[in-house]
Amino acid sequence: MIEKKKKWKLADFDYPLPEKYIAQYPAKRRDQSKLMVIHKDTGEIEHKTFSNLPDYFKKNDLLITNNTKVFPARLYANKDRTEAKVEVFLLRELENDLWEVMVRPARKVRIGNKLMFTKNVYCDVIDNTISGGRVVRFEYENEDIYEVIDKVGISPLPPYIKRESEPKDKIRYQTVFAQERGAVAAPTAGLHFTEGLIKRLHNKGARTAHTTLHIGLGTFRPVQVEDLNRHQMDSEYFEVSPDTAMLINETKKKRKKVFAVGTSTVRSLETVAVSGFQVSPKRGWTDKFIYPPYDFKMVDAMITNFHQPKSTLLMMISAFADRDLIMKAYREAKKNNYRFLSYGDAMLIM
């Protein structure tokens, strides 16, 4: 008789997370965060430091990162007539100079308003979005819009970091392999890496490659439905290059391990997985939602942070390892004063 698989609900991914565990600042050194190592097959849990990560790699294992780059997406503007201050949060560029944004306070921003950022840079509000945001068109003279954003924008820290963004956040809320601009949230598992740590991995014979997935605000959006089948993920742009696809396929052929850095990298890889143990290069938009039960096709080990209760990120790692084991690990993390969420400590599941 075949055992019927449990149908997980939203409440199964809830757990108490007092604010004292939520990291407000990063570790002084990236690779000195704590590292919890979970062995899926045995249930063994180890307590290490992130600098110990290379100990778990063998020759020809492959580390895949997300090379998305966070841009300072939070801007402040004044309405042209009332001079009321408005927050404009850039979500994504729809086409040249046309952006989807969130505004606050939303009730004060209507179609036809002009929002002034500097004397020479403003945007016109031209439409509303289904999700309550706005569509704006930037107008400016003799400047590149991204240079303007870099100049006046502020690093968009997650909502659970209860402090104002500081200049050093522009550096620390960015991975050392960030290249492709487009994310409004960092792939936080990658924040623990240093150039020196990557060099040590290469010295062990491990290889590295990257994907791109531009993380949006949907990563912080709570799941609203108890039946997980009814949850719809926000679409995010991703790309898996031919070089990365070739390296993954070579690694799988040699029966070596693919280590994915972060849930965003996992989403990219599982989106492009085809029959067998192969991936195909691809770019586009993904709304893939991974939750238990799920048969992972590409990822052998996952490096991730400790996630919010009821989050899609927690659901993904609970699909990768046993949900009860993950909850046990989270309880142990709190007992050992691990730091949670974006600026917190890390976990290696293998």
C-alpha atoms as a PDB file:
ATOM      1  CA  MET A   1       0.000   0.000   0.000  1.00  0.00           C
ATOM      2  CA  ILE A   2       1.417   3.385  -1.035  1.00  0.00           C
ATOM      3  CA  GLU A   3       1.587   5.870   1.829  1.00  0.00           C
ATOM      4  CA  LYS A   4      -0.303   9.050   1.052  1.00  0.00           C
ATOM      5  CA  LYS A   5       1.919  12.149   1.217  1.00  0.00           C
ATOM      6  CA  LYS A   6       0.977  14.764   3.761  1.00  0.00           C
ATOM      7  CA  LYS A   7      -0.637  17.881   2.370  1.00  0.00           C
ATOM      8  CA  TRP A   8       1.185  20.748   4.020  1.00  0.00           C
ATOM      9  CA  LYS A   9      -0.605  23.949   4.943  1.00  0.00           C
ATOM     10  CA  LEU A  10       0.557  27.463   5.729  1.00  0.00           C
ATOM     11  CA  ALA A  11       0.309  26.900   9.492  1.00  0.00           C
ATOM     12  CA  ASP A  12       2.858  24.067   9.229  1.00  0.00           C
ATOM     13  CA  PHE A  13       5.542  26.653   8.447  1.00  0.00           C
ATOM     14  CA  ASP A  14       4.895  28.954  11.353  1.00  0.00           C
ATOM     15  CA  TYR A  15       7.255  29.255  14.305  1.00  0.00           C
ATOM     16  CA  PRO A  16       7.917  31.883  16.997  1.00  0.00           C
ATOM     17  CA  LEU A  17      10.617  34.392  16.058  1.00  0.00           C
ATOM     18  CA  PRO A  18      11.194  37.031  18.750  1.00  0.00           C
ATOM     19  CA  GLU A  19      12.766  40.252  17.469  1.00  0.00           C
ATOM     20  CA  LYS A  20      15.964  39.636  19.438  1.00  0.00           C
ATOM     21  CA  TYR A  21      16.944  36.954  16.893  1.00  0.00           C
ATOM     22  CA  ILE A  22      16.503  39.212  13.834  1.00  0.00           C
ATOM     23  CA  ALA A  23      19.892  40.630  12.809  1.00  0.00           C
ATOM     24  CA  GLN A  24      19.852  44.407  12.386  1.00  0.00           C
ATOM     25  CA  TYR A  25      23.472  44.612  11.223  1.00  0.00           C
ATOM     26  CA  PRO A  26      25.719  42.160   9.371  1.00  0.00           C
ATOM     27  CA  ALA A  27      28.631  40.328  11.008  1.00  0.00           C
ATOM     28  CA  LYS A  28      31.838  42.361  11.196  1.00  0.00           C
ATOM     29  CA  ARG A  29      33.429  40.041   8.641  1.00  0.00           C
ATOM     30  CA  ARG A  30      31.374  38.348   5.964  1.00  0.00           C
ATOM     31  CA  ASP A  31      32.824  34.862   6.421  1.00  0.00           C
ATOM     32  CA  GLN A  32      32.689  34.953  10.233  1.00  0.00           C
ATOM     33  CA  SER A  33      28.935  34.370  10.385  1.00  0.00           C
ATOM     34  CA  LYS A  34      27.853  31.152  12.048  1.00  0.00           C
ATOM     35  CA  LEU A  35      27.221  28.184   9.763  1.00  0.00           C
ATOM     36  CA  MET A  36      24.819  25.391  10.689  1.00  0.00           C
ATOM     37  CA  VAL A  37      25.402  22.247   8.640  1.00  0.00           C
ATOM     38  CA  ILE A  38      22.439  19.892   8.254  1.00  0.00           C
ATOM     39  CA  HIS A  39      22.964  16.381   6.899  1.00  0.00           C
ATOM     40  CA  LYS A  40      19.646  15.365   5.348  1.00  0.00           C
ATOM     41  CA  ASP A  41      20.250  11.619   5.345  1.00  0.00           C
ATOM     42  CA  THR A  42      21.319  11.234   8.979  1.00  0.00           C
ATOM     43  CA  GLY A  43      19.689  14.250  10.603  1.00  0.00           C
ATOM     44  CA  GLU A  44      23.056  15.266  12.070  1.00  0.00           C
ATOM     45  CA  ILE A  45      23.471  18.979  12.815  1.00  0.00           C
ATOM     46  CA  GLU A  46      26.899  20.624  13.054  1.00  0.00           C
ATOM     47  CA  HIS A  47      27.793  24.103  14.293  1.00  0.00           C
ATOM     48  CA  LYS A  48      30.591  25.763  12.326  1.00  0.00           C
ATOM     49  CA  THR A  49      31.742  29.158  11.052  1.00  0.00           C
ATOM     50  CA  PHE A  50      31.096  30.167   7.438  1.00  0.00           C
ATOM     51  CA  SER A  51      34.834  30.176   6.761  1.00  0.00           C
ATOM     52  CA  ASN A  52      34.650  26.356   7.246  1.00  0.00           C
ATOM     53  CA  LEU A  53      32.488  26.001   4.117  1.00  0.00           C
ATOM     54  CA  PRO A  54      35.313  24.705   1.831  1.00  0.00           C
ATOM     55  CA  ASP A  55      35.674  21.665   4.127  1.00  0.00           C
ATOM     56  CA  TYR A  56      32.456  20.311   2.605  1.00  0.00           C
ATOM     57  CA  PHE A  57      33.592  20.538  -1.032  1.00  0.00           C
ATOM     58  CA  LYS A  58      35.420  17.983  -3.134  1.00  0.00           C
ATOM     59  CA  LYS A  59      37.267  18.293  -6.416  1.00  0.00           C
ATOM     60  CA  ASN A  60      34.983  19.171  -9.353  1.00  0.00           C
ATOM     61  CA  ASP A  61      32.025  20.051  -7.134  1.00  0.00           C
ATOM     62  CA  LEU A  62      30.266  23.146  -8.497  1.00  0.00           C
ATOM     63  CA  LEU A  63      29.212  26.256  -6.565  1.00  0.00           C
ATOM     64  CA  ILE A  64      26.535  28.337  -8.299  1.00  0.00           C
ATOM     65  CA  THR A  65      25.785  31.891  -7.163  1.00  0.00           C
ATOM     66  CA  ASN A  66      23.284  34.579  -8.120  1.00  0.00           C
ATOM     67  CA  ASN A  67      25.166  37.547  -9.604  1.00  0.00           C
ATOM     68  CA  THR A  68      22.249  39.973  -9.416  1.00  0.00           C
ATOM     69  CA  LYS A  69      23.137  43.458  -8.183  1.00  0.00           C
ATOM     70  CA  VAL A  70      20.944  45.418  -5.799  1.00  0.00           C
ATOM     71  CA  PHE A  71      20.330  48.984  -6.882  1.00  0.00           C
ATOM     72  CA  PRO A  72      19.331  51.807  -4.471  1.00  0.00           C
ATOM     73  CA  ALA A  73      15.656  51.534  -5.280  1.00  0.00           C
ATOM     74  CA  ARG A  74      14.187  53.736  -2.527  1.00  0.00           C
ATOM     75  CA  LEU A  75      13.934  57.386  -3.625  1.00  0.00           C
ATOM     76  CA  TYR A  76      12.246  60.412  -2.094  1.00  0.00           C
ATOM     77  CA  ALA A  77      10.467  63.065  -4.114  1.00  0.00           C
ATOM     78  CA  ASN A  78       8.320  66.158  -3.624  1.00  0.00           C
ATOM     79  CA  LYS A  79       4.972  66.595  -5.347  1.00  0.00           C
ATOM     80  CA  ASP A  80       5.215  69.529  -7.731  1.00  0.00           C
ATOM     81  CA  ARG A  81       2.396  71.669  -6.309  1.00  0.00           C
ATOM     82  CA  THR A  82       2.068  70.750  -2.645  1.00  0.00           C
ATOM     83  CA  GLU A  83       5.741  69.818  -2.083  1.00  0.00           C
ATOM     84  CA  ALA A  84       4.507  66.916   0.056  1.00  0.00           C
ATOM     85  CA  LYS A  85       7.258  64.329   0.529  1.00  0.00           C
ATOM     86  CA  VAL A  86       6.638  60.986  -1.187  1.00  0.00           C
ATOM     87  CA  GLU A  87       8.585  57.729  -1.099  1.00  0.00           C
ATOM     88  CA  VAL A  88       9.034  56.135  -4.518  1.00  0.00           C
ATOM     89  CA  PHE A  89      10.217  52.521  -4.495  1.00  0.00           C
ATOM     90  CA  LEU A  90      11.410  51.317  -7.906  1.00  0.00           C
ATOM     91  CA  LEU A  91      10.261  47.776  -8.656  1.00  0.00           C
ATOM     92  CA  ARG A  92      11.266  47.226 -12.263  1.00  0.00           C
ATOM     93  CA  GLU A  93      11.888  49.055 -15.509  1.00  0.00           C
ATOM     94  CA  LEU A  94       9.144  48.231 -18.005  1.00  0.00           C
ATOM     95  CA  GLU A  95      10.898  49.937 -20.925  1.00  0.00           C
ATOM     96  CA  ASN A  96      13.145  52.953 -21.392  1.00  0.00           C
ATOM     97  CA  ASP A  97      12.398  55.429 -18.565  1.00  0.00           C
ATOM     98  CA  LEU A  98       9.053  53.730 -17.798  1.00  0.00           C
ATOM     99  CA  TRP A  99       8.979  52.086 -14.346  1.00  0.00           C
ATOM    100  CA  GLU A 100       6.623  50.171 -12.109  1.00  0.00           C
ATOM    101  CA  VAL A 101       6.922  51.637  -8.610  1.00  0.00           C
ATOM    102  CA  MET A 102       5.346  51.578  -5.185  1.00  0.00           C
ATOM    103  CA  VAL A 103       4.563  54.932  -3.593  1.00  0.00           C
ATOM    104  CA  ARG A 104       3.934  55.951   0.001  1.00  0.00           C
ATOM    105  CA  PRO A 105       1.607  57.440   1.071  1.00  0.00           C
ATOM    106  CA  ALA A 106      -0.251  55.954  -1.885  1.00  0.00           C
ATOM    107  CA  ARG A 107      -3.447  57.955  -1.338  1.00  0.00           C
ATOM    108  CA  LYS A 108      -1.600  61.195  -2.111  1.00  0.00           C
ATOM    109  CA  VAL A 109      -0.160  60.084  -5.454  1.00  0.00           C
ATOM    110  CA  ARG A 110      -2.545  60.129  -8.397  1.00  0.00           C
ATOM    111  CA  ILE A 111      -2.369  59.900 -12.159  1.00  0.00           C
ATOM    112  CA  GLY A 112      -1.165  63.254 -13.507  1.00  0.00           C
ATOM    113  CA  ASN A 113       1.036  64.112 -10.515  1.00  0.00           C
ATOM    114  CA  LYS A 114       4.600  65.195 -11.119  1.00  0.00           C
ATOM    115  CA  LEU A 115       7.168  63.965  -8.579  1.00  0.00           C
ATOM    116  CA  MET A 116      10.394  65.992  -8.311  1.00  0.00           C
ATOM    117  CA  PHE A 117      13.641  64.254  -7.267  1.00  0.00           C
ATOM    118  CA  THR A 118      16.080  67.040  -8.168  1.00  0.00           C
ATOM    119  CA  LYS A 119      15.741  70.289 -10.089  1.00  0.00           C
ATOM    120  CA  ASN A 120      16.377  68.450 -13.363  1.00  0.00           C
ATOM    121  CA  VAL A 121      14.944  65.014 -12.601  1.00  0.00           C
ATOM    122  CA  TYR A 122      11.255  64.210 -12.130  1.00  0.00           C
ATOM    123  CA  CYS A 123       8.676  61.622 -13.089  1.00  0.00           C
ATOM    124  CA  ASP A 124       5.079  61.788 -14.264  1.00  0.00           C
ATOM    125  CA  VAL A 125       2.545  59.367 -12.776  1.00  0.00           C
ATOM    126  CA  ILE A 126       0.764  57.868 -15.774  1.00  0.00           C
ATOM    127  CA  ASP A 127      -1.105  54.785 -14.510  1.00  0.00           C
ATOM    128  CA  ASN A 128      -2.108  52.611 -11.540  1.00  0.00           C
ATOM    129  CA  THR A 129      -1.217  48.927 -11.195  1.00  0.00           C
ATOM    130  CA  ILE A 130      -3.419  46.042 -10.067  1.00  0.00           C
ATOM    131  CA  SER A 131      -1.236  45.560  -6.975  1.00  0.00           C
ATOM    132  CA  GLY A 132      -1.723  49.154  -5.827  1.00  0.00           C
ATOM    133  CA  GLY A 133       1.469  50.576  -7.294  1.00  0.00           C
ATOM    134  CA  ARG A 134       1.994  53.184  -9.994  1.00  0.00           C
ATOM    135  CA  VAL A 135       3.547  53.408 -13.436  1.00  0.00           C
ATOM    136  CA  VAL A 136       5.781  56.466 -13.835  1.00  0.00           C
ATOM    137  CA  ARG A 137       7.812  57.963 -16.661  1.00  0.00           C
ATOM    138  CA  PHE A 138      11.124  59.613 -15.770  1.00  0.00           C
ATOM    139  CA  GLU A 139      12.113  62.909 -17.353  1.00  0.00           C
ATOM    140  CA  TYR A 140      15.643  64.258 -17.044  1.00  0.00           C
ATOM    141  CA  GLU A 141      18.340  66.167 -18.915  1.00  0.00           C
ATOM    142  CA  ASN A 142      21.915  65.238 -19.792  1.00  0.00           C
ATOM    143  CA  GLU A 143      22.151  62.425 -17.249  1.00  0.00           C
ATOM    144  CA  ASP A 144      21.913  58.665 -17.262  1.00  0.00           C
ATOM    145  CA  ILE A 145      18.895  57.610 -15.196  1.00  0.00           C
ATOM    146  CA  TYR A 146      20.913  54.932 -13.407  1.00  0.00           C
ATOM    147  CA  GLU A 147      23.504  57.517 -12.402  1.00  0.00           C
ATOM    148  CA  VAL A 148      20.663  59.568 -10.963  1.00  0.00           C
ATOM    149  CA  ILE A 149      19.326  56.547  -9.072  1.00  0.00           C
ATOM    150  CA  ASP A 150      22.785  55.733  -7.706  1.00  0.00           C
ATOM    151  CA  LYS A 151      23.191  59.352  -6.606  1.00  0.00           C
ATOM    152  CA  VAL A 152      19.858  59.957  -4.876  1.00  0.00           C
ATOM    153  CA  GLY A 153      18.650  56.437  -4.101  1.00  0.00           C
ATOM    154  CA  ILE A 154      18.918  54.631  -0.783  1.00  0.00           C
ATOM    155  CA  SER A 155      19.681  50.942  -0.230  1.00  0.00           C
ATOM    156  CA  PRO A 156      16.311  49.192   0.212  1.00  0.00           C
ATOM    157  CA  LEU A 157      16.778  47.268   3.445  1.00  0.00           C
ATOM    158  CA  PRO A 158      14.135  44.614   4.248  1.00  0.00           C
ATOM    159  CA  PRO A 159      11.125  45.735   6.311  1.00  0.00           C
ATOM    160  CA  TYR A 160      12.170  43.681   9.352  1.00  0.00           C
ATOM    161  CA  ILE A 161      15.397  45.672   9.731  1.00  0.00           C
ATOM    162  CA  LYS A 162      14.118  48.378  12.044  1.00  0.00           C
ATOM    163  CA  ARG A 163      16.608  51.141  11.331  1.00  0.00           C
ATOM    164  CA  GLU A 164      17.416  53.647   8.629  1.00  0.00           C
ATOM    165  CA  SER A 165      19.716  52.635   5.806  1.00  0.00           C
ATOM    166  CA  GLU A 166      23.329  53.705   6.369  1.00  0.00           C
ATOM    167  CA  PRO A 167      26.060  54.397   3.789  1.00  0.00           C
ATOM    168  CA  LYS A 168      27.850  51.126   4.591  1.00  0.00           C
ATOM    169  CA  ASP A 169      24.700  49.194   3.665  1.00  0.00           C
ATOM    170  CA  LYS A 170      25.403  50.012   0.010  1.00  0.00           C
ATOM    171  CA  ILE A 171      28.473  47.782   0.344  1.00  0.00           C
ATOM    172  CA  ARG A 172      27.352  45.160   2.858  1.00  0.00           C
ATOM    173  CA  TYR A 173      23.895  44.588   1.351  1.00  0.00           C
ATOM    174  CA  GLN A 174      25.635  43.503  -1.844  1.00  0.00           C
ATOM    175  CA  THR A 175      27.450  40.264  -2.622  1.00  0.00           C
ATOM    176  CA  VAL A 176      31.075  40.230  -3.779  1.00  0.00           C
ATOM    177  CA  PHE A 177      29.941  38.667  -7.072  1.00  0.00           C
ATOM    178  CA  ALA A 178      27.187  41.200  -7.834  1.00  0.00           C
ATOM    179  CA  GLN A 179      27.322  42.204 -11.521  1.00  0.00           C
ATOM    180  CA  GLU A 180      23.900  42.435 -13.150  1.00  0.00           C
ATOM    181  CA  ARG A 181      21.822  45.365 -11.878  1.00  0.00           C
ATOM    182  CA  GLY A 182      18.161  44.644 -11.271  1.00  0.00           C
ATOM    183  CA  ALA A 183      17.371  43.393  -7.753  1.00  0.00           C
ATOM    184  CA  VAL A 184      15.598  45.338  -5.021  1.00  0.00           C
ATOM    185  CA  ALA A 185      16.616  42.735  -2.427  1.00  0.00           C
ATOM    186  CA  ALA A 186      19.949  40.968  -2.002  1.00  0.00           C
ATOM    187  CA  PRO A 187      20.448  37.221  -2.494  1.00  0.00           C
ATOM    188  CA  THR A 188      21.385  37.116   1.170  1.00  0.00           C
ATOM    189  CA  ALA A 189      23.015  33.672   1.303  1.00  0.00           C
ATOM    190  CA  GLY A 190      25.707  35.181  -0.910  1.00  0.00           C
ATOM    191  CA  LEU A 191      26.505  37.953   1.579  1.00  0.00           C
ATOM    192  CA  HIS A 192      28.752  35.577   3.565  1.00  0.00           C
ATOM    193  CA  PHE A 193      31.252  35.032   0.753  1.00  0.00           C
ATOM    194  CA  THR A 194      34.590  36.784   0.387  1.00  0.00           C
ATOM    195  CA  GLU A 195      37.094  36.745  -2.481  1.00  0.00           C
ATOM    196  CA  GLY A 196      39.438  34.815  -0.209  1.00  0.00           C
ATOM    197  CA  LEU A 197      36.842  32.141   0.504  1.00  0.00           C
ATOM    198  CA  ILE A 198      36.140  31.691  -3.201  1.00  0.00           C
ATOM    199  CA  LYS A 199      39.887  31.336  -3.819  1.00  0.00           C
ATOM    200  CA  ARG A 200      40.061  28.597  -1.170  1.00  0.00           C
ATOM    201  CA  LEU A 201      37.238  26.742  -2.935  1.00  0.00           C
ATOM    202  CA  HIS A 202      39.148  26.945  -6.205  1.00  0.00           C
ATOM    203  CA  ASN A 203      42.288  25.661  -4.466  1.00  0.00           C
ATOM    204  CA  LYS A 204      40.309  22.560  -3.449  1.00  0.00           C
ATOM    205  CA  GLY A 205      39.437  21.961  -7.085  1.00  0.00           C
ATOM    206  CA  ALA A 206      35.848  23.167  -6.835  1.00  0.00           C
ATOM    207  CA  ARG A 207      34.435  25.168  -9.718  1.00  0.00           C
ATOM    208  CA  THR A 208      32.173  28.198  -9.673  1.00  0.00           C
ATOM    209  CA  ALA A 209      29.487  29.548 -11.973  1.00  0.00           C
ATOM    210  CA  HIS A 210      26.616  31.990 -11.729  1.00  0.00           C
ATOM    211  CA  THR A 211      22.998  32.467 -12.617  1.00  0.00           C
ATOM    212  CA  THR A 212      21.038  35.709 -12.546  1.00  0.00           C
ATOM    213  CA  LEU A 213      17.702  36.193 -10.810  1.00  0.00           C
ATOM    214  CA  HIS A 214      16.562  39.721 -10.019  1.00  0.00           C
ATOM    215  CA  ILE A 215      14.866  39.459  -6.626  1.00  0.00           C
ATOM    216  CA  GLY A 216      11.773  41.613  -6.185  1.00  0.00           C
ATOM    217  CA  LEU A 217       9.714  42.707  -3.208  1.00  0.00           C
ATOM    218  CA  GLY A 218       7.663  39.532  -3.559  1.00  0.00           C
ATOM    219  CA  THR A 219      10.338  37.767  -1.521  1.00  0.00           C
ATOM    220  CA  PHE A 220       8.984  39.625   1.544  1.00  0.00           C
ATOM    221  CA  ARG A 221       5.297  39.310   0.661  1.00  0.00           C
ATOM    222  CA  PRO A 222       3.461  37.039   3.105  1.00  0.00           C
ATOM    223  CA  VAL A 223       1.553  34.003   1.897  1.00  0.00           C
ATOM    224  CA  GLN A 224      -2.148  34.793   2.421  1.00  0.00           C
ATOM    225  CA  VAL A 225      -3.756  31.409   1.757  1.00  0.00           C
ATOM    226  CA  GLU A 226      -3.753  28.304   3.955  1.00  0.00           C
ATOM    227  CA  ASP A 227      -3.859  26.025   0.889  1.00  0.00           C
ATOM    228  CA  LEU A 228      -0.385  26.402  -0.644  1.00  0.00           C
ATOM    229  CA  ASN A 229      -1.659  25.290  -4.057  1.00  0.00           C
ATOM    230  CA  ARG A 230      -3.481  28.606  -4.293  1.00  0.00           C
ATOM    231  CA  HIS A 231      -0.458  30.845  -3.687  1.00  0.00           C
ATOM    232  CA  GLN A 232       0.858  32.720  -6.724  1.00  0.00           C
ATOM    233  CA  MET A 233       4.516  33.775  -6.732  1.00  0.00           C
ATOM    234  CA  ASP A 234       5.588  37.108  -8.227  1.00  0.00           C
ATOM    235  CA  SER A 235       7.404  36.700 -11.536  1.00  0.00           C
ATOM    236  CA  GLU A 236      11.113  37.522 -11.477  1.00  0.00           C
ATOM    237  CA  TYR A 237      13.566  37.812 -14.359  1.00  0.00           C
ATOM    238  CA  PHE A 238      16.234  35.102 -14.517  1.00  0.00           C
ATOM    239  CA  GLU A 239      18.992  33.898 -16.789  1.00  0.00           C
ATOM    240  CA  VAL A 240      21.049  30.703 -16.946  1.00  0.00           C
ATOM    241  CA  SER A 241      23.839  31.181 -19.472  1.00  0.00           C
ATOM    242  CA  PRO A 242      25.133  28.516 -21.893  1.00  0.00           C
ATOM    243  CA  ASP A 243      28.459  28.397 -19.980  1.00  0.00           C
ATOM    244  CA  THR A 244      26.699  27.772 -16.666  1.00  0.00           C
ATOM    245  CA  ALA A 245      24.399  25.148 -18.199  1.00  0.00           C
ATOM    246  CA  MET A 246      27.420  23.356 -19.666  1.00  0.00           C
ATOM    247  CA  LEU A 247      29.235  23.330 -16.297  1.00  0.00           C
ATOM    248  CA  ILE A 248      26.160  21.972 -14.502  1.00  0.00           C
ATOM    249  CA  ASN A 249      25.715  19.205 -17.057  1.00  0.00           C
ATOM    250  CA  GLU A 250      29.408  18.278 -16.823  1.00  0.00           C
ATOM    251  CA  THR A 251      29.180  18.186 -13.022  1.00  0.00           C
ATOM    252  CA  LYS A 252      26.127  15.945 -13.101  1.00  0.00           C
ATOM    253  CA  LYS A 253      27.768  13.638 -15.642  1.00  0.00           C
ATOM    254  CA  LYS A 254      30.767  13.212 -13.311  1.00  0.00           C
ATOM    255  CA  ARG A 255      28.367  12.532 -10.391  1.00  0.00           C
ATOM    256  CA  LYS A 256      29.733  15.501  -8.470  1.00  0.00           C
ATOM    257  CA  LYS A 257      27.645  17.858  -6.345  1.00  0.00           C
ATOM    258  CA  VAL A 258      25.960  21.096  -7.344  1.00  0.00           C
ATOM    259  CA  PHE A 259      25.909  23.577  -4.435  1.00  0.00           C
ATOM    260  CA  ALA A 260      23.334  26.356  -4.916  1.00  0.00           C
ATOM    261  CA  VAL A 261      23.860  29.622  -3.037  1.00  0.00           C
ATOM    262  CA  GLY A 262      20.447  30.866  -1.978  1.00  0.00           C
ATOM    263  CA  THR A 263      16.841  30.127  -2.782  1.00  0.00           C
ATOM    264  CA  SER A 264      16.960  32.459  -5.800  1.00  0.00           C
ATOM    265  CA  THR A 265      19.671  30.326  -7.410  1.00  0.00           C
ATOM    266  CA  VAL A 266      17.635  27.194  -6.676  1.00  0.00           C
ATOM    267  CA  ARG A 267      14.593  28.722  -8.396  1.00  0.00           C
ATOM    268  CA  SER A 268      16.659  29.500 -11.494  1.00  0.00           C
ATOM    269  CA  LEU A 269      18.147  26.015 -11.703  1.00  0.00           C
ATOM    270  CA  GLU A 270      14.901  24.177 -11.084  1.00  0.00           C
ATOM    271  CA  THR A 271      13.134  26.385 -13.642  1.00  0.00           C
ATOM    272  CA  VAL A 272      15.510  25.296 -16.420  1.00  0.00           C
ATOM    273  CA  ALA A 273      15.791  21.622 -15.424  1.00  0.00           C
ATOM    274  CA  VAL A 274      14.798  19.275 -18.222  1.00  0.00           C
ATOM    275  CA  SER A 275      14.432  15.503 -18.321  1.00  0.00           C
ATOM    276  CA  GLY A 276      17.130  13.493 -16.597  1.00  0.00           C
ATOM    277  CA  PHE A 277      19.958  15.450 -14.997  1.00  0.00           C
ATOM    278  CA  GLN A 278      20.336  18.164 -17.589  1.00  0.00           C
ATOM    279  CA  VAL A 279      19.682  21.888 -17.784  1.00  0.00           C
ATOM    280  CA  SER A 280      19.221  24.057 -20.830  1.00  0.00           C
ATOM    281  CA  PRO A 281      20.355  27.699 -21.061  1.00  0.00           C
ATOM    282  CA  LYS A 282      17.423  30.023 -20.814  1.00  0.00           C
ATOM    283  CA  ARG A 283      16.355  33.551 -19.911  1.00  0.00           C
ATOM    284  CA  GLY A 284      12.916  34.875 -19.097  1.00  0.00           C
ATOM    285  CA  TRP A 285      10.527  35.153 -16.177  1.00  0.00           C
ATOM    286  CA  THR A 286       9.873  32.573 -13.504  1.00  0.00           C
ATOM    287  CA  ASP A 287       7.070  32.297 -10.973  1.00  0.00           C
ATOM    288  CA  LYS A 288       8.114  28.835  -9.812  1.00  0.00           C
ATOM    289  CA  PHE A 289       6.912  28.046  -6.293  1.00  0.00           C
ATOM    290  CA  ILE A 290       8.758  25.201  -4.577  1.00  0.00           C
ATOM    291  CA  TYR A 291       7.162  23.658  -1.504  1.00  0.00           C
ATOM    292  CA  PRO A 292       6.807  20.115  -0.101  1.00  0.00           C
ATOM    293  CA  PRO A 293       6.618  17.623  -1.601  1.00  0.00           C
ATOM    294  CA  TYR A 294       9.014  18.475  -4.444  1.00  0.00           C
ATOM    295  CA  ASP A 295      11.551  16.385  -6.342  1.00  0.00           C
ATOM    296  CA  PHE A 296      14.697  18.487  -6.817  1.00  0.00           C
ATOM    297  CA  LYS A 297      16.365  17.779 -10.139  1.00  0.00           C
ATOM    298  CA  MET A 298      19.499  19.925 -10.138  1.00  0.00           C
ATOM    299  CA  VAL A 299      20.519  20.907  -6.614  1.00  0.00           C
ATOM    300  CA  ASP A 300      22.492  18.563  -4.333  1.00  0.00           C
ATOM    301  CA  ALA A 301      23.334  21.023  -1.555  1.00  0.00           C
ATOM    302  CA  MET A 302      21.928  24.403  -0.608  1.00  0.00           C
ATOM    303  CA  ILE A 303      23.467  27.355   1.222  1.00  0.00           C
ATOM    304  CA  THR A 304      20.828  29.621   2.699  1.00  0.00           C
ATOM    305  CA  ASN A 305      19.977  31.926   5.601  1.00  0.00           C
ATOM    306  CA  PHE A 306      17.362  31.437   8.323  1.00  0.00           C
ATOM    307  CA  HIS A 307      14.000  32.570   6.987  1.00  0.00           C
ATOM    308  CA  GLN A 308      10.819  34.223   8.190  1.00  0.00           C
ATOM    309  CA  PRO A 309       7.895  32.165   9.505  1.00  0.00           C
ATOM    310  CA  LYS A 310       5.330  31.213   6.840  1.00  0.00           C
ATOM    311  CA  SER A 311       7.627  32.410   4.041  1.00  0.00           C
ATOM    312  CA  THR A 312       7.996  30.785   0.626  1.00  0.00           C
ATOM    313  CA  LEU A 313      11.729  30.581   1.358  1.00  0.00           C
ATOM    314  CA  LEU A 314      11.137  28.450   4.448  1.00  0.00           C
ATOM    315  CA  MET A 315       8.784  26.262   2.411  1.00  0.00           C
ATOM    316  CA  MET A 316      11.466  25.698  -0.210  1.00  0.00           C
ATOM    317  CA  ILE A 317      14.120  24.519   2.245  1.00  0.00           C
ATOM    318  CA  SER A 318      11.486  22.351   3.954  1.00  0.00           C
ATOM    319  CA  ALA A 319      11.006  20.673   0.574  1.00  0.00           C
ATOM    320  CA  PHE A 320      14.766  20.206   0.193  1.00  0.00           C
ATOM    321  CA  ALA A 321      15.158  18.644   3.643  1.00  0.00           C
ATOM    322  CA  ASP A 322      12.528  17.070   5.868  1.00  0.00           C
ATOM    323  CA  ARG A 323      10.243  19.772   7.252  1.00  0.00           C
ATOM    324  CA  ASP A 324      10.465  18.380  10.786  1.00  0.00           C
ATOM    325  CA  LEU A 325      14.269  18.349  10.565  1.00  0.00           C
ATOM    326  CA  ILE A 326      14.260  21.989   9.461  1.00  0.00           C
ATOM    327  CA  MET A 327      12.011  22.998  12.345  1.00  0.00           C
ATOM    328  CA  LYS A 328      14.282  21.101  14.747  1.00  0.00           C
ATOM    329  CA  ALA A 329      17.273  22.954  13.280  1.00  0.00           C
ATOM    330  CA  TYR A 330      15.532  26.313  13.727  1.00  0.00           C
ATOM    331  CA  ARG A 331      14.818  25.528  17.374  1.00  0.00           C
ATOM    332  CA  GLU A 332      18.451  24.578  17.868  1.00  0.00           C
ATOM    333  CA  ALA A 333      19.556  27.762  16.111  1.00  0.00           C
ATOM    334  CA  LYS A 334      17.650  29.875  18.617  1.00  0.00           C
ATOM    335  CA  LYS A 335      19.132  27.933  21.524  1.00  0.00           C
ATOM    336  CA  ASN A 336      22.604  28.661  20.131  1.00  0.00           C
ATOM    337  CA  ASN A 337      21.903  32.356  19.460  1.00  0.00           C
ATOM    338  CA  TYR A 338      22.042  32.231  15.685  1.00  0.00           C
ATOM    339  CA  ARG A 339      21.045  35.446  13.931  1.00  0.00           C
ATOM    340  CA  PHE A 340      18.059  35.208  11.580  1.00  0.00           C
ATOM    341  CA  LEU A 341      16.990  36.710   8.229  1.00  0.00           C
ATOM    342  CA  SER A 342      18.902  38.838   5.706  1.00  0.00           C
ATOM    343  CA  TYR A 343      21.867  39.995   7.816  1.00  0.00           C
ATOM    344  CA  GLY A 344      21.834  36.813   9.874  1.00  0.00           C
ATOM    345  CA  ASP A 345      23.773  33.547   9.915  1.00  0.00           C
ATOM    346  CA  ALA A 346      23.866  30.763   7.351  1.00  0.00           C
ATOM    347  CA  MET A 347      22.880  27.145   6.893  1.00  0.00           C
ATOM    348  CA  LEU A 348      24.324  24.449   4.625  1.00  0.00           C
ATOM    349  CA  ILE A 349      21.884  21.645   3.819  1.00  0.00           C
ATOM    350  CA  MET A 350      23.438  18.611   2.155  1.00  0.00           C
END
